[in-house]
Amino acid sequence: MKIKTSAEVWAVIHARHNKDLTVFESYSAPDGGENRSDKGVMYTGYGLKGADYPLMAAETTWDIDNERSYKRHNEKHEYWLFVNEKEE
């Protein structure tokens, strides 16, 4: 289950467990992602070393200015925690 969280919660977990975390997944499309040339995307999912599943993820998206691609307009940050669900 993916639970949206705040930047503060995410930052504290990341800071307190930084030595125990490893990158589980990463996606980088600063020039446009998912077949879209108007939206940049940076996504990283982290998990505890030795774990089978990620613990948390962060994503930043922004509108791309085609004339000045280095500019990030309407930058948006989202953060999640992942919780395993019991199969029934």
C-alpha atoms as a PDB file:
ATOM      1  CA  MET A   1       0.000   0.000   0.000  1.00  0.00           C
ATOM      2  CA  LYS A   2       1.297   3.455  -0.923  1.00  0.00           C
ATOM      3  CA  ILE A   3       0.604   6.175   1.673  1.00  0.00           C
ATOM      4  CA  LYS A   4       1.163   9.841   0.865  1.00  0.00           C
ATOM      5  CA  THR A   5       3.186  11.587   3.572  1.00  0.00           C
ATOM      6  CA  SER A   6       4.646  14.996   4.294  1.00  0.00           C
ATOM      7  CA  ALA A   7       8.087  16.282   3.396  1.00  0.00           C
ATOM      8  CA  GLU A   8       8.876  16.548   7.116  1.00  0.00           C
ATOM      9  CA  VAL A   9       8.084  12.893   7.897  1.00  0.00           C
ATOM     10  CA  TRP A  10      10.000  11.704   4.837  1.00  0.00           C
ATOM     11  CA  ALA A  11      13.012  13.897   5.671  1.00  0.00           C
ATOM     12  CA  VAL A  12      13.222  12.676   9.276  1.00  0.00           C
ATOM     13  CA  ILE A  13      13.098   9.001   8.261  1.00  0.00           C
ATOM     14  CA  HIS A  14      15.699   9.635   5.559  1.00  0.00           C
ATOM     15  CA  ALA A  15      17.986  11.517   7.969  1.00  0.00           C
ATOM     16  CA  ARG A  16      17.682   9.047  10.858  1.00  0.00           C
ATOM     17  CA  HIS A  17      18.118   5.924   8.732  1.00  0.00           C
ATOM     18  CA  ASN A  18      20.359   7.254   5.953  1.00  0.00           C
ATOM     19  CA  LYS A  19      23.090   4.667   6.630  1.00  0.00           C
ATOM     20  CA  ASP A  20      20.531   1.848   6.486  1.00  0.00           C
ATOM     21  CA  LEU A  21      18.807   2.949   3.257  1.00  0.00           C
ATOM     22  CA  THR A  22      19.567   1.921  -0.290  1.00  0.00           C
ATOM     23  CA  VAL A  23      18.009   2.919  -3.609  1.00  0.00           C
ATOM     24  CA  PHE A  24      15.439   0.346  -4.722  1.00  0.00           C
ATOM     25  CA  GLU A  25      14.269   2.133  -7.845  1.00  0.00           C
ATOM     26  CA  SER A  26      15.004   5.361  -9.665  1.00  0.00           C
ATOM     27  CA  TYR A  27      13.544   7.156 -12.654  1.00  0.00           C
ATOM     28  CA  SER A  28      14.973  10.314 -14.165  1.00  0.00           C
ATOM     29  CA  ALA A  29      13.459  12.191 -17.099  1.00  0.00           C
ATOM     30  CA  PRO A  30      14.484  15.855 -16.736  1.00  0.00           C
ATOM     31  CA  ASP A  31      13.713  16.513 -20.395  1.00  0.00           C
ATOM     32  CA  GLY A  32      10.262  14.951 -20.248  1.00  0.00           C
ATOM     33  CA  GLY A  33       8.862  11.715 -18.973  1.00  0.00           C
ATOM     34  CA  GLU A  34       6.257   9.153 -19.931  1.00  0.00           C
ATOM     35  CA  ASN A  35       6.040  10.341 -23.549  1.00  0.00           C
ATOM     36  CA  ARG A  36       5.548  13.933 -22.411  1.00  0.00           C
ATOM     37  CA  SER A  37       8.004  16.614 -23.449  1.00  0.00           C
ATOM     38  CA  ASP A  38       6.323  19.262 -21.277  1.00  0.00           C
ATOM     39  CA  LYS A  39       6.850  17.655 -17.837  1.00  0.00           C
ATOM     40  CA  GLY A  40      10.134  16.732 -16.148  1.00  0.00           C
ATOM     41  CA  VAL A  41      10.220  13.907 -13.601  1.00  0.00           C
ATOM     42  CA  MET A  42      12.682  12.670 -10.959  1.00  0.00           C
ATOM     43  CA  TYR A  43      11.640   9.670  -8.805  1.00  0.00           C
ATOM     44  CA  THR A  44      13.582   7.649  -6.229  1.00  0.00           C
ATOM     45  CA  GLY A  45      12.373   4.789  -4.043  1.00  0.00           C
ATOM     46  CA  TYR A  46      14.403   3.760  -0.981  1.00  0.00           C
ATOM     47  CA  GLY A  47      14.369   0.665   1.191  1.00  0.00           C
ATOM     48  CA  LEU A  48      16.278  -0.731   4.105  1.00  0.00           C
ATOM     49  CA  LYS A  49      19.355  -2.741   3.133  1.00  0.00           C
ATOM     50  CA  GLY A  50      18.454  -6.416   2.917  1.00  0.00           C
ATOM     51  CA  ALA A  51      14.712  -5.765   2.689  1.00  0.00           C
ATOM     52  CA  ASP A  52      12.575  -7.181  -0.103  1.00  0.00           C
ATOM     53  CA  TYR A  53      10.423  -4.097  -0.625  1.00  0.00           C
ATOM     54  CA  PRO A  54      10.929  -0.321  -0.668  1.00  0.00           C
ATOM     55  CA  LEU A  55      10.065   1.710   2.419  1.00  0.00           C
ATOM     56  CA  MET A  56       9.565   5.165   0.927  1.00  0.00           C
ATOM     57  CA  ALA A  57       9.754   7.222  -2.256  1.00  0.00           C
ATOM     58  CA  ALA A  58       9.988  10.825  -3.403  1.00  0.00           C
ATOM     59  CA  GLU A  59       9.049  12.376  -6.729  1.00  0.00           C
ATOM     60  CA  THR A  60       9.604  15.835  -8.137  1.00  0.00           C
ATOM     61  CA  THR A  61       7.786  17.011 -11.259  1.00  0.00           C
ATOM     62  CA  TRP A  62       7.894  20.324 -13.081  1.00  0.00           C
ATOM     63  CA  ASP A  63       6.762  22.038 -16.255  1.00  0.00           C
ATOM     64  CA  ILE A  64       9.498  22.380 -18.863  1.00  0.00           C
ATOM     65  CA  ASP A  65      10.091  25.730 -20.504  1.00  0.00           C
ATOM     66  CA  ASN A  66      11.052  24.742 -24.065  1.00  0.00           C
ATOM     67  CA  GLU A  67      12.987  27.964 -24.578  1.00  0.00           C
ATOM     68  CA  ARG A  68      14.877  27.618 -21.273  1.00  0.00           C
ATOM     69  CA  SER A  69      14.927  23.903 -20.434  1.00  0.00           C
ATOM     70  CA  TYR A  70      17.075  24.547 -17.345  1.00  0.00           C
ATOM     71  CA  LYS A  71      14.144  26.426 -15.727  1.00  0.00           C
ATOM     72  CA  ARG A  72      11.725  24.442 -13.542  1.00  0.00           C
ATOM     73  CA  HIS A  73       8.251  25.948 -13.457  1.00  0.00           C
ATOM     74  CA  ASN A  74       5.488  24.779 -11.118  1.00  0.00           C
ATOM     75  CA  GLU A  75       7.822  22.386  -9.326  1.00  0.00           C
ATOM     76  CA  LYS A  76       5.903  19.863  -7.210  1.00  0.00           C
ATOM     77  CA  HIS A  77       7.285  17.436  -4.604  1.00  0.00           C
ATOM     78  CA  GLU A  78       5.448  14.337  -3.420  1.00  0.00           C
ATOM     79  CA  TYR A  79       6.455  11.802  -0.777  1.00  0.00           C
ATOM     80  CA  TRP A  80       5.191   8.302   0.073  1.00  0.00           C
ATOM     81  CA  LEU A  81       5.643   5.537   2.603  1.00  0.00           C
ATOM     82  CA  PHE A  82       5.067   1.921   1.574  1.00  0.00           C
ATOM     83  CA  VAL A  83       3.352  -0.584   3.835  1.00  0.00           C
ATOM     84  CA  ASN A  84       3.028  -4.286   3.119  1.00  0.00           C
ATOM     85  CA  GLU A  85      -0.487  -5.651   3.172  1.00  0.00           C
ATOM     86  CA  LYS A  86      -1.376  -9.089   4.433  1.00  0.00           C
ATOM     87  CA  GLU A  87      -2.677 -11.381   1.698  1.00  0.00           C
ATOM     88  CA  GLU A  88      -5.990 -13.023   2.477  1.00  0.00           C
END
